[in-house]
N, C-alpha and C. Protein backbone atom coordinates (compact mmCIF):
# COMPACT_ATOMS: atom_id res chain seq x y z
N UNK A 1 0.84 -1.19 0.00
CA UNK A 1 0.00 0.00 0.00
C UNK A 1 0.88 1.24 0.00
N UNK A 2 0.38 2.27 -0.67
CA UNK A 2 1.10 3.53 -0.70
C UNK A 2 0.97 4.26 0.62
N UNK A 3 1.82 5.24 0.79
CA UNK A 3 1.78 6.02 2.02
C UNK A 3 0.49 6.82 2.13
N UNK A 4 0.10 7.47 1.03
CA UNK A 4 -1.10 8.29 1.05
C UNK A 4 -2.22 7.59 0.32
N UNK A 5 -3.31 7.34 0.99
CA UNK A 5 -4.46 6.73 0.36
C UNK A 5 -5.64 7.68 0.32
N UNK A 6 -5.50 8.85 0.92
CA UNK A 6 -6.57 9.84 0.92
C UNK A 6 -6.12 10.99 0.05
N UNK A 7 -6.91 11.28 -0.99
CA UNK A 7 -6.62 12.40 -1.88
C UNK A 7 -7.76 13.41 -1.78
N UNK A 8 -7.40 14.63 -1.49
CA UNK A 8 -8.35 15.72 -1.26
C UNK A 8 -8.30 16.67 -2.47
N UNK A 9 -9.34 16.63 -3.30
CA UNK A 9 -9.42 17.47 -4.49
C UNK A 9 -10.17 18.75 -4.14
N UNK A 10 -9.55 19.89 -4.46
CA UNK A 10 -10.08 21.18 -4.05
C UNK A 10 -9.76 22.22 -5.12
N UNK A 11 -10.27 23.44 -4.90
CA UNK A 11 -9.91 24.58 -5.74
C UNK A 11 -9.88 25.83 -4.86
N UNK A 12 -9.09 26.82 -5.23
CA UNK A 12 -9.04 28.07 -4.45
C UNK A 12 -10.41 28.74 -4.39
N UNK A 13 -10.71 29.33 -3.25
CA UNK A 13 -11.95 30.07 -3.08
C UNK A 13 -13.15 29.23 -2.71
N UNK A 14 -12.98 27.94 -2.54
CA UNK A 14 -14.09 27.04 -2.21
C UNK A 14 -14.26 26.98 -0.69
N UNK A 15 -15.37 27.54 -0.16
CA UNK A 15 -15.54 27.53 1.29
C UNK A 15 -15.75 26.13 1.87
N UNK A 16 -16.39 25.26 1.11
CA UNK A 16 -16.61 23.89 1.59
C UNK A 16 -15.27 23.15 1.68
N UNK A 17 -14.38 23.44 0.73
CA UNK A 17 -13.03 22.86 0.77
C UNK A 17 -12.29 23.32 2.01
N UNK A 18 -12.39 24.60 2.31
CA UNK A 18 -11.70 25.15 3.49
C UNK A 18 -12.19 24.50 4.77
N UNK A 19 -13.50 24.31 4.88
CA UNK A 19 -14.06 23.70 6.09
C UNK A 19 -13.58 22.26 6.25
N UNK A 20 -13.64 21.49 5.16
CA UNK A 20 -13.22 20.09 5.25
C UNK A 20 -11.71 20.00 5.47
N UNK A 21 -10.95 20.85 4.81
CA UNK A 21 -9.49 20.84 5.00
C UNK A 21 -9.15 21.08 6.47
N UNK A 22 -9.83 22.01 7.10
CA UNK A 22 -9.59 22.30 8.51
C UNK A 22 -9.82 21.06 9.36
N UNK A 23 -10.90 20.34 9.10
CA UNK A 23 -11.18 19.11 9.84
C UNK A 23 -10.12 18.05 9.56
N UNK A 24 -9.71 17.93 8.30
CA UNK A 24 -8.70 16.95 7.95
C UNK A 24 -7.36 17.26 8.61
N UNK A 25 -7.00 18.52 8.66
CA UNK A 25 -5.73 18.90 9.28
C UNK A 25 -5.71 18.53 10.76
N UNK A 26 -6.84 18.61 11.41
CA UNK A 26 -6.93 18.26 12.82
C UNK A 26 -7.04 16.77 13.07
N UNK A 27 -7.27 15.99 12.01
CA UNK A 27 -7.49 14.56 12.18
C UNK A 27 -6.21 13.75 12.29
N UNK A 28 -5.11 14.26 11.75
CA UNK A 28 -3.87 13.50 11.73
C UNK A 28 -3.78 12.48 10.62
N UNK A 29 -4.80 12.40 9.77
CA UNK A 29 -4.79 11.45 8.66
C UNK A 29 -3.84 11.95 7.57
N UNK A 30 -3.15 11.02 6.89
CA UNK A 30 -2.29 11.42 5.77
C UNK A 30 -3.15 11.78 4.56
N UNK A 31 -3.00 12.99 4.08
CA UNK A 31 -3.83 13.49 2.98
C UNK A 31 -2.94 14.14 1.94
N UNK A 32 -3.24 13.87 0.68
CA UNK A 32 -2.55 14.55 -0.43
C UNK A 32 -3.53 15.54 -1.03
N UNK A 33 -3.19 16.83 -0.99
CA UNK A 33 -4.02 17.88 -1.57
C UNK A 33 -3.79 17.96 -3.07
N UNK A 34 -4.89 18.09 -3.83
CA UNK A 34 -4.81 18.20 -5.28
C UNK A 34 -5.68 19.36 -5.73
N UNK A 35 -5.05 20.40 -6.27
CA UNK A 35 -5.76 21.58 -6.77
C UNK A 35 -6.23 21.29 -8.19
N UNK A 36 -7.55 21.20 -8.41
CA UNK A 36 -8.06 20.83 -9.73
C UNK A 36 -7.83 21.93 -10.76
N UNK A 37 -7.57 23.16 -10.34
CA UNK A 37 -7.28 24.23 -11.29
C UNK A 37 -5.85 24.16 -11.80
N UNK A 38 -4.98 23.46 -11.10
CA UNK A 38 -3.59 23.34 -11.52
C UNK A 38 -3.29 22.01 -12.19
N UNK A 39 -4.18 21.04 -12.04
CA UNK A 39 -3.94 19.70 -12.58
C UNK A 39 -5.15 19.25 -13.41
N UNK A 40 -5.08 19.39 -14.74
CA UNK A 40 -6.21 19.02 -15.60
C UNK A 40 -6.66 17.57 -15.42
N UNK A 41 -5.73 16.65 -15.19
CA UNK A 41 -6.12 15.25 -14.99
C UNK A 41 -6.93 15.09 -13.70
N UNK A 42 -6.61 15.88 -12.71
CA UNK A 42 -7.36 15.83 -11.45
C UNK A 42 -8.78 16.34 -11.66
N UNK A 43 -8.92 17.43 -12.42
CA UNK A 43 -10.25 17.95 -12.72
C UNK A 43 -11.07 16.91 -13.47
N UNK A 44 -10.44 16.19 -14.40
CA UNK A 44 -11.13 15.14 -15.14
C UNK A 44 -11.55 14.00 -14.22
N UNK A 45 -10.71 13.66 -13.26
CA UNK A 45 -11.06 12.60 -12.30
C UNK A 45 -12.27 13.00 -11.47
N UNK A 46 -12.32 14.26 -11.05
CA UNK A 46 -13.48 14.75 -10.29
C UNK A 46 -14.73 14.71 -11.16
N UNK A 47 -14.64 15.18 -12.40
CA UNK A 47 -15.81 15.15 -13.30
C UNK A 47 -16.32 13.73 -13.50
N UNK A 48 -15.41 12.77 -13.53
CA UNK A 48 -15.80 11.37 -13.74
C UNK A 48 -16.67 10.82 -12.62
N UNK A 49 -16.53 11.35 -11.42
CA UNK A 49 -17.32 10.84 -10.29
C UNK A 49 -18.42 11.80 -9.85
N UNK A 50 -18.50 12.97 -10.52
CA UNK A 50 -19.48 14.00 -10.10
C UNK A 50 -20.39 14.39 -11.27
N UNK A 51 -20.81 13.39 -12.02
CA UNK A 51 -21.77 13.61 -13.12
C UNK A 51 -21.32 14.70 -14.09
N UNK A 52 -20.03 14.74 -14.38
CA UNK A 52 -19.50 15.69 -15.35
C UNK A 52 -19.20 17.07 -14.80
N UNK A 53 -19.42 17.27 -13.51
CA UNK A 53 -19.19 18.57 -12.89
C UNK A 53 -17.90 18.56 -12.07
N UNK A 54 -17.33 19.73 -11.90
CA UNK A 54 -16.12 19.86 -11.08
C UNK A 54 -16.52 20.26 -9.66
N UNK A 55 -17.20 19.34 -8.98
CA UNK A 55 -17.68 19.58 -7.62
C UNK A 55 -16.55 19.26 -6.64
N UNK A 56 -16.23 20.25 -5.83
CA UNK A 56 -15.23 20.06 -4.79
C UNK A 56 -15.79 20.57 -3.47
N UNK A 57 -15.35 20.01 -2.36
CA UNK A 57 -14.30 19.02 -2.28
C UNK A 57 -14.77 17.64 -2.73
N UNK A 58 -13.88 16.93 -3.37
CA UNK A 58 -14.07 15.52 -3.67
C UNK A 58 -12.89 14.81 -3.04
N UNK A 59 -13.17 13.72 -2.35
CA UNK A 59 -12.12 12.99 -1.64
C UNK A 59 -12.13 11.55 -2.10
N UNK A 60 -10.95 11.04 -2.43
CA UNK A 60 -10.79 9.64 -2.77
C UNK A 60 -10.07 8.94 -1.63
N UNK A 61 -10.60 7.79 -1.26
CA UNK A 61 -9.91 6.88 -0.35
C UNK A 61 -9.71 5.62 -1.17
N UNK A 62 -8.48 5.40 -1.60
CA UNK A 62 -8.24 4.34 -2.58
C UNK A 62 -8.98 4.71 -3.86
N UNK A 63 -9.81 3.81 -4.34
CA UNK A 63 -10.57 4.06 -5.57
C UNK A 63 -11.99 4.56 -5.30
N UNK A 64 -12.35 4.72 -4.05
CA UNK A 64 -13.70 5.16 -3.68
C UNK A 64 -13.74 6.66 -3.48
N UNK A 65 -14.76 7.29 -4.07
CA UNK A 65 -14.87 8.75 -4.02
C UNK A 65 -16.08 9.20 -3.22
N UNK A 66 -15.91 10.33 -2.56
CA UNK A 66 -17.01 11.04 -1.90
C UNK A 66 -17.00 12.46 -2.44
N UNK A 67 -18.17 12.93 -2.87
CA UNK A 67 -18.30 14.28 -3.40
C UNK A 67 -18.93 15.16 -2.32
N UNK A 68 -18.23 16.22 -1.95
CA UNK A 68 -18.66 17.15 -0.91
C UNK A 68 -19.08 16.42 0.37
N UNK A 69 -18.18 15.58 0.91
CA UNK A 69 -18.55 14.79 2.08
C UNK A 69 -18.45 15.57 3.38
N UNK A 70 -19.14 15.06 4.38
CA UNK A 70 -18.92 15.52 5.74
C UNK A 70 -17.71 14.76 6.29
N UNK A 71 -17.14 15.25 7.36
CA UNK A 71 -16.02 14.54 7.99
C UNK A 71 -16.49 13.18 8.48
N UNK A 72 -17.71 13.10 8.97
CA UNK A 72 -18.26 11.82 9.44
C UNK A 72 -18.32 10.81 8.30
N UNK A 73 -18.77 11.24 7.13
CA UNK A 73 -18.83 10.34 5.97
C UNK A 73 -17.43 9.90 5.56
N UNK A 74 -16.49 10.82 5.60
CA UNK A 74 -15.12 10.50 5.22
C UNK A 74 -14.50 9.50 6.19
N UNK A 75 -14.68 9.71 7.47
CA UNK A 75 -14.14 8.77 8.47
C UNK A 75 -14.76 7.38 8.28
N UNK A 76 -16.05 7.32 7.97
CA UNK A 76 -16.70 6.03 7.73
C UNK A 76 -16.07 5.32 6.53
N UNK A 77 -15.76 6.07 5.48
CA UNK A 77 -15.13 5.46 4.31
C UNK A 77 -13.71 5.01 4.63
N UNK A 78 -12.96 5.82 5.36
CA UNK A 78 -11.61 5.42 5.77
C UNK A 78 -11.69 4.16 6.62
N UNK A 79 -12.63 4.11 7.53
CA UNK A 79 -12.79 2.94 8.40
C UNK A 79 -13.06 1.68 7.55
N UNK A 80 -13.85 1.83 6.48
CA UNK A 80 -14.20 0.69 5.63
C UNK A 80 -13.08 0.30 4.67
N UNK A 81 -12.37 1.28 4.12
CA UNK A 81 -11.41 1.02 3.05
C UNK A 81 -9.94 1.05 3.48
N UNK A 82 -9.62 1.79 4.51
CA UNK A 82 -8.22 1.92 4.93
C UNK A 82 -8.13 2.10 6.44
N UNK A 83 -8.65 1.14 7.21
CA UNK A 83 -8.70 1.31 8.67
C UNK A 83 -7.33 1.50 9.31
N UNK A 84 -6.28 1.01 8.66
CA UNK A 84 -4.93 1.19 9.22
C UNK A 84 -4.57 2.66 9.35
N UNK A 85 -5.17 3.52 8.52
CA UNK A 85 -4.89 4.95 8.62
C UNK A 85 -5.42 5.54 9.92
N UNK A 86 -6.49 4.96 10.44
CA UNK A 86 -7.05 5.44 11.71
C UNK A 86 -6.23 4.97 12.90
N UNK A 87 -5.42 3.94 12.69
CA UNK A 87 -4.60 3.39 13.77
C UNK A 87 -3.27 4.10 13.90
N UNK A 88 -2.95 4.98 12.95
CA UNK A 88 -1.68 5.70 13.01
C UNK A 88 -1.65 6.56 14.26
N UNK A 89 -0.50 6.69 14.91
CA UNK A 89 -0.40 7.46 16.15
C UNK A 89 -0.90 8.89 16.02
N UNK A 90 -0.69 9.52 14.84
CA UNK A 90 -1.10 10.91 14.69
C UNK A 90 -2.58 11.06 14.34
N UNK A 91 -3.26 9.99 13.92
CA UNK A 91 -4.67 10.07 13.55
C UNK A 91 -5.54 10.06 14.80
N UNK A 92 -6.58 10.91 14.78
CA UNK A 92 -7.50 10.96 15.91
C UNK A 92 -8.91 10.77 15.44
């Protein structure tokens, strides 16, 4: 398994992205930030799971995506798909 299994797709100026990022930063989970305005392939990946729209935040845990999730929904997906990330000493 790779080091980072959580990918956080966002864009500048998105208030929902800012709120979720704040929660993620406090969680201790390993997250890779991906700005969809700087990475065309990332924008295409978001469109593929969001009915053709660039809806952010979109978060991938492995191959599973959540579009505009709550932190509770994200933790549930991490628990189901990558529970070892919750066991890391820095994760809360």
